[in-house]
Amino acid sequence: MIFIVWNSIYTRWKMPNVKKNLKQMEKVLTLWVENNKTRQEIHEIIVKTYGHESVSIATQNRWLREYEGLSESEKLQDSIFHWKLLDSYDI
C-alpha cells in the first residue's frame, strides 16, 4: 500500500535518489501512518537501521510533508481495506 502513496508522491515531485532511498521512504511512511511515532523517533529508527546511509531528518520531514499534502482519497488507499467502506475508496 505504501507503494501507491510513494508513486503518487514520486510522480508529483520527481524526488531525487528515490531508488536509492526507497526502502527508507517506505519505512518512514509506514511508521508515520501507524501513527505511534514522532518525527524524531522515526529518524532515530532510520539512523539505527541504515547507519551512515540514512537520509537526513530534513529529507524525512519533506517526505512526510508531501504525504500530508496528498488528498484524503489518496491517503485512504494507503489504509487497511474494509469491504464495508468500499463506496468511500473512490475506486
N, C-alpha and C. Protein backbone atom coordinates (compact mmCIF):
# COMPACT_ATOMS: atom_id res chain seq x y z
N MET A 1 0.82 -1.19 0.00
CA MET A 1 0.00 0.00 0.00
C MET A 1 0.86 1.26 0.00
N ILE A 2 1.98 1.20 0.67
CA ILE A 2 2.87 2.35 0.70
C ILE A 2 3.33 2.68 -0.71
N PHE A 3 3.45 1.65 -1.58
CA PHE A 3 3.88 1.91 -2.95
C PHE A 3 2.94 2.86 -3.66
N ILE A 4 1.64 2.74 -3.42
CA ILE A 4 0.67 3.64 -4.05
C ILE A 4 0.95 5.06 -3.64
N VAL A 5 1.17 5.28 -2.38
CA VAL A 5 1.47 6.62 -1.88
C VAL A 5 2.80 7.10 -2.44
N TRP A 6 3.81 6.24 -2.41
CA TRP A 6 5.11 6.60 -2.94
C TRP A 6 4.97 7.01 -4.39
N ASN A 7 4.23 6.24 -5.16
CA ASN A 7 4.05 6.53 -6.58
C ASN A 7 3.38 7.88 -6.76
N SER A 8 2.39 8.20 -5.94
CA SER A 8 1.72 9.50 -6.02
C SER A 8 2.69 10.63 -5.72
N ILE A 9 3.50 10.47 -4.68
CA ILE A 9 4.47 11.50 -4.33
C ILE A 9 5.53 11.61 -5.41
N TYR A 10 6.05 10.48 -5.85
CA TYR A 10 7.13 10.48 -6.83
C TYR A 10 6.71 11.14 -8.14
N THR A 11 5.53 10.79 -8.64
CA THR A 11 5.11 11.36 -9.91
C THR A 11 4.80 12.84 -9.78
N ARG A 12 4.42 13.30 -8.60
CA ARG A 12 4.12 14.70 -8.41
C ARG A 12 5.38 15.54 -8.27
N TRP A 13 6.40 15.04 -7.59
CA TRP A 13 7.58 15.87 -7.30
C TRP A 13 8.88 15.35 -7.91
N LYS A 14 8.90 14.17 -8.47
CA LYS A 14 10.12 13.61 -9.06
C LYS A 14 11.30 13.74 -8.10
N MET A 15 11.18 13.13 -6.96
CA MET A 15 12.18 13.27 -5.90
C MET A 15 13.51 12.62 -6.32
N PRO A 16 14.64 13.26 -5.99
CA PRO A 16 15.94 12.69 -6.31
C PRO A 16 16.27 11.50 -5.42
N ASN A 17 17.10 10.61 -5.94
CA ASN A 17 17.59 9.46 -5.18
C ASN A 17 16.50 8.56 -4.64
N VAL A 18 15.35 8.55 -5.29
CA VAL A 18 14.25 7.73 -4.78
C VAL A 18 14.62 6.26 -4.81
N LYS A 19 15.25 5.80 -5.88
CA LYS A 19 15.59 4.39 -5.96
C LYS A 19 16.57 4.00 -4.87
N LYS A 20 17.50 4.86 -4.57
CA LYS A 20 18.47 4.58 -3.53
C LYS A 20 17.82 4.56 -2.15
N ASN A 21 16.85 5.43 -1.94
CA ASN A 21 16.25 5.60 -0.62
C ASN A 21 14.84 5.05 -0.50
N LEU A 22 14.41 4.26 -1.44
CA LEU A 22 13.04 3.76 -1.46
C LEU A 22 12.70 2.98 -0.18
N LYS A 23 13.59 2.12 0.26
CA LYS A 23 13.31 1.34 1.47
C LYS A 23 13.17 2.25 2.69
N GLN A 24 14.02 3.29 2.75
CA GLN A 24 13.93 4.22 3.86
C GLN A 24 12.62 5.00 3.80
N MET A 25 12.25 5.43 2.61
CA MET A 25 11.00 6.18 2.46
C MET A 25 9.82 5.30 2.87
N GLU A 26 9.83 4.06 2.45
CA GLU A 26 8.76 3.13 2.82
C GLU A 26 8.69 2.96 4.34
N LYS A 27 9.84 2.82 4.98
CA LYS A 27 9.89 2.66 6.43
C LYS A 27 9.37 3.92 7.14
N VAL A 28 9.81 5.09 6.67
CA VAL A 28 9.37 6.36 7.27
C VAL A 28 7.86 6.49 7.16
N LEU A 29 7.32 6.27 5.97
CA LEU A 29 5.87 6.42 5.77
C LEU A 29 5.08 5.38 6.55
N THR A 30 5.60 4.17 6.62
CA THR A 30 4.90 3.13 7.39
C THR A 30 4.83 3.51 8.86
N LEU A 31 5.95 3.94 9.42
CA LEU A 31 5.95 4.35 10.83
C LEU A 31 5.02 5.53 11.06
N TRP A 32 4.98 6.46 10.11
CA TRP A 32 4.13 7.65 10.25
C TRP A 32 2.65 7.27 10.18
N VAL A 33 2.31 6.41 9.22
CA VAL A 33 0.90 6.02 9.04
C VAL A 33 0.41 5.23 10.25
N GLU A 34 1.28 4.45 10.85
CA GLU A 34 0.90 3.71 12.05
C GLU A 34 0.58 4.66 13.19
N ASN A 35 1.04 5.90 13.09
CA ASN A 35 0.68 6.99 14.00
C ASN A 35 1.09 6.74 15.45
N ASN A 36 2.19 6.06 15.63
CA ASN A 36 2.62 5.83 17.00
C ASN A 36 4.05 6.31 17.25
N LYS A 37 4.62 7.07 16.31
CA LYS A 37 5.98 7.58 16.46
C LYS A 37 6.03 9.06 16.09
N THR A 38 6.87 9.81 16.80
CA THR A 38 7.10 11.20 16.43
C THR A 38 8.12 11.24 15.29
N ARG A 39 8.28 12.40 14.69
CA ARG A 39 9.26 12.55 13.62
C ARG A 39 10.67 12.23 14.11
N GLN A 40 11.00 12.67 15.32
CA GLN A 40 12.33 12.40 15.87
C GLN A 40 12.53 10.91 16.14
N GLU A 41 11.50 10.25 16.68
CA GLU A 41 11.60 8.81 16.93
C GLU A 41 11.77 8.04 15.62
N ILE A 42 11.05 8.46 14.60
CA ILE A 42 11.18 7.82 13.29
C ILE A 42 12.61 7.99 12.78
N HIS A 43 13.15 9.20 12.89
CA HIS A 43 14.51 9.44 12.41
C HIS A 43 15.52 8.59 13.19
N GLU A 44 15.35 8.45 14.47
CA GLU A 44 16.25 7.62 15.27
C GLU A 44 16.21 6.17 14.81
N ILE A 45 15.04 5.66 14.48
CA ILE A 45 14.89 4.29 13.97
C ILE A 45 15.61 4.15 12.63
N ILE A 46 15.45 5.14 11.76
CA ILE A 46 16.10 5.11 10.45
C ILE A 46 17.62 5.11 10.61
N VAL A 47 18.13 5.95 11.50
CA VAL A 47 19.58 6.02 11.73
C VAL A 47 20.09 4.70 12.29
N LYS A 48 19.36 4.10 13.22
CA LYS A 48 19.78 2.81 13.79
C LYS A 48 19.77 1.72 12.72
N THR A 49 18.79 1.79 11.82
CA THR A 49 18.65 0.76 10.80
C THR A 49 19.65 0.92 9.67
N TYR A 50 19.85 2.14 9.18
CA TYR A 50 20.65 2.37 7.97
C TYR A 50 22.02 3.02 8.24
N GLY A 51 22.29 3.40 9.47
CA GLY A 51 23.59 3.96 9.81
C GLY A 51 23.94 5.19 8.99
N HIS A 52 25.18 5.22 8.48
CA HIS A 52 25.63 6.39 7.73
C HIS A 52 24.93 6.55 6.37
N GLU A 53 24.18 5.54 5.94
CA GLU A 53 23.42 5.61 4.69
C GLU A 53 22.04 6.24 4.89
N SER A 54 21.69 6.54 6.13
CA SER A 54 20.34 7.05 6.41
C SER A 54 20.14 8.46 5.84
N VAL A 55 18.90 8.74 5.48
CA VAL A 55 18.57 10.07 4.97
C VAL A 55 18.55 11.06 6.12
N SER A 56 18.69 12.33 5.78
CA SER A 56 18.66 13.37 6.81
C SER A 56 17.24 13.54 7.34
N ILE A 57 17.14 14.15 8.50
CA ILE A 57 15.82 14.42 9.06
C ILE A 57 15.06 15.40 8.17
N ALA A 58 15.77 16.27 7.46
CA ALA A 58 15.11 17.20 6.53
C ALA A 58 14.45 16.44 5.39
N THR A 59 15.14 15.44 4.86
CA THR A 59 14.56 14.61 3.79
C THR A 59 13.34 13.86 4.31
N GLN A 60 13.49 13.28 5.48
CA GLN A 60 12.37 12.56 6.09
C GLN A 60 11.17 13.49 6.27
N ASN A 61 11.42 14.69 6.78
CA ASN A 61 10.33 15.64 7.00
C ASN A 61 9.70 16.09 5.69
N ARG A 62 10.51 16.18 4.63
CA ARG A 62 9.96 16.54 3.32
C ARG A 62 9.02 15.44 2.83
N TRP A 63 9.44 14.18 2.99
CA TRP A 63 8.57 13.06 2.61
C TRP A 63 7.26 13.10 3.38
N LEU A 64 7.34 13.37 4.67
CA LEU A 64 6.13 13.41 5.48
C LEU A 64 5.24 14.59 5.10
N ARG A 65 5.84 15.73 4.79
CA ARG A 65 5.05 16.90 4.34
C ARG A 65 4.34 16.57 3.02
N GLU A 66 5.06 15.91 2.12
CA GLU A 66 4.46 15.54 0.84
C GLU A 66 3.33 14.54 1.04
N TYR A 67 3.53 13.60 1.96
CA TYR A 67 2.47 12.65 2.26
C TYR A 67 1.25 13.37 2.82
N GLU A 68 1.47 14.27 3.76
CA GLU A 68 0.36 15.02 4.36
C GLU A 68 -0.34 15.90 3.33
N GLY A 69 0.36 16.27 2.27
CA GLY A 69 -0.24 17.10 1.22
C GLY A 69 -1.11 16.32 0.24
N LEU A 70 -1.10 15.00 0.34
CA LEU A 70 -1.93 14.19 -0.55
C LEU A 70 -3.40 14.37 -0.20
N SER A 71 -4.25 14.12 -1.16
CA SER A 71 -5.68 14.19 -0.90
C SER A 71 -6.10 13.06 0.03
N GLU A 72 -7.23 13.24 0.67
CA GLU A 72 -7.73 12.21 1.59
C GLU A 72 -7.99 10.91 0.85
N SER A 73 -8.44 10.98 -0.40
CA SER A 73 -8.71 9.74 -1.14
C SER A 73 -7.42 8.99 -1.43
N GLU A 74 -6.31 9.71 -1.68
CA GLU A 74 -5.03 9.04 -1.88
C GLU A 74 -4.53 8.41 -0.58
N LYS A 75 -4.70 9.11 0.53
CA LYS A 75 -4.30 8.55 1.83
C LYS A 75 -5.15 7.35 2.20
N LEU A 76 -6.43 7.40 1.86
CA LEU A 76 -7.33 6.31 2.18
C LEU A 76 -6.90 5.02 1.49
N GLN A 77 -6.32 5.14 0.31
CA GLN A 77 -5.83 3.97 -0.40
C GLN A 77 -4.67 3.31 0.33
N ASP A 78 -4.04 4.03 1.23
CA ASP A 78 -2.92 3.50 1.98
C ASP A 78 -3.34 2.85 3.29
N SER A 79 -4.60 2.92 3.61
CA SER A 79 -5.08 2.32 4.86
C SER A 79 -5.54 0.89 4.62
N ILE A 80 -5.87 0.21 5.70
CA ILE A 80 -6.34 -1.17 5.61
C ILE A 80 -7.68 -1.18 4.88
N PHE A 81 -7.82 -2.11 3.95
CA PHE A 81 -9.03 -2.22 3.14
C PHE A 81 -10.16 -2.85 3.95
N HIS A 82 -11.32 -2.18 3.93
CA HIS A 82 -12.52 -2.71 4.57
C HIS A 82 -13.64 -2.75 3.54
N TRP A 83 -14.21 -3.92 3.34
CA TRP A 83 -15.27 -4.05 2.35
C TRP A 83 -16.43 -3.12 2.62
N LYS A 84 -16.75 -2.90 3.88
CA LYS A 84 -17.90 -2.05 4.21
C LYS A 84 -17.67 -0.58 3.85
N LEU A 85 -16.42 -0.22 3.58
CA LEU A 85 -16.11 1.17 3.20
C LEU A 85 -15.86 1.31 1.70
N LEU A 86 -16.26 0.34 0.94
CA LEU A 86 -15.97 0.31 -0.49
C LEU A 86 -16.40 1.58 -1.22
N ASP A 87 -17.55 2.14 -0.88
CA ASP A 87 -18.02 3.36 -1.54
C ASP A 87 -17.10 4.55 -1.29
N SER A 88 -16.44 4.59 -0.18
CA SER A 88 -15.59 5.73 0.14
C SER A 88 -14.20 5.65 -0.49
N TYR A 89 -13.84 4.52 -1.08
CA TYR A 89 -12.48 4.36 -1.62
C TYR A 89 -12.27 5.03 -2.95
N ASP A 90 -13.32 5.42 -3.63
CA ASP A 90 -13.19 6.14 -4.91
C ASP A 90 -12.41 5.32 -5.94
N ILE A 91 -12.70 4.02 -5.98
CA ILE A 91 -12.04 3.15 -6.97
C ILE A 91 -13.05 2.47 -7.83
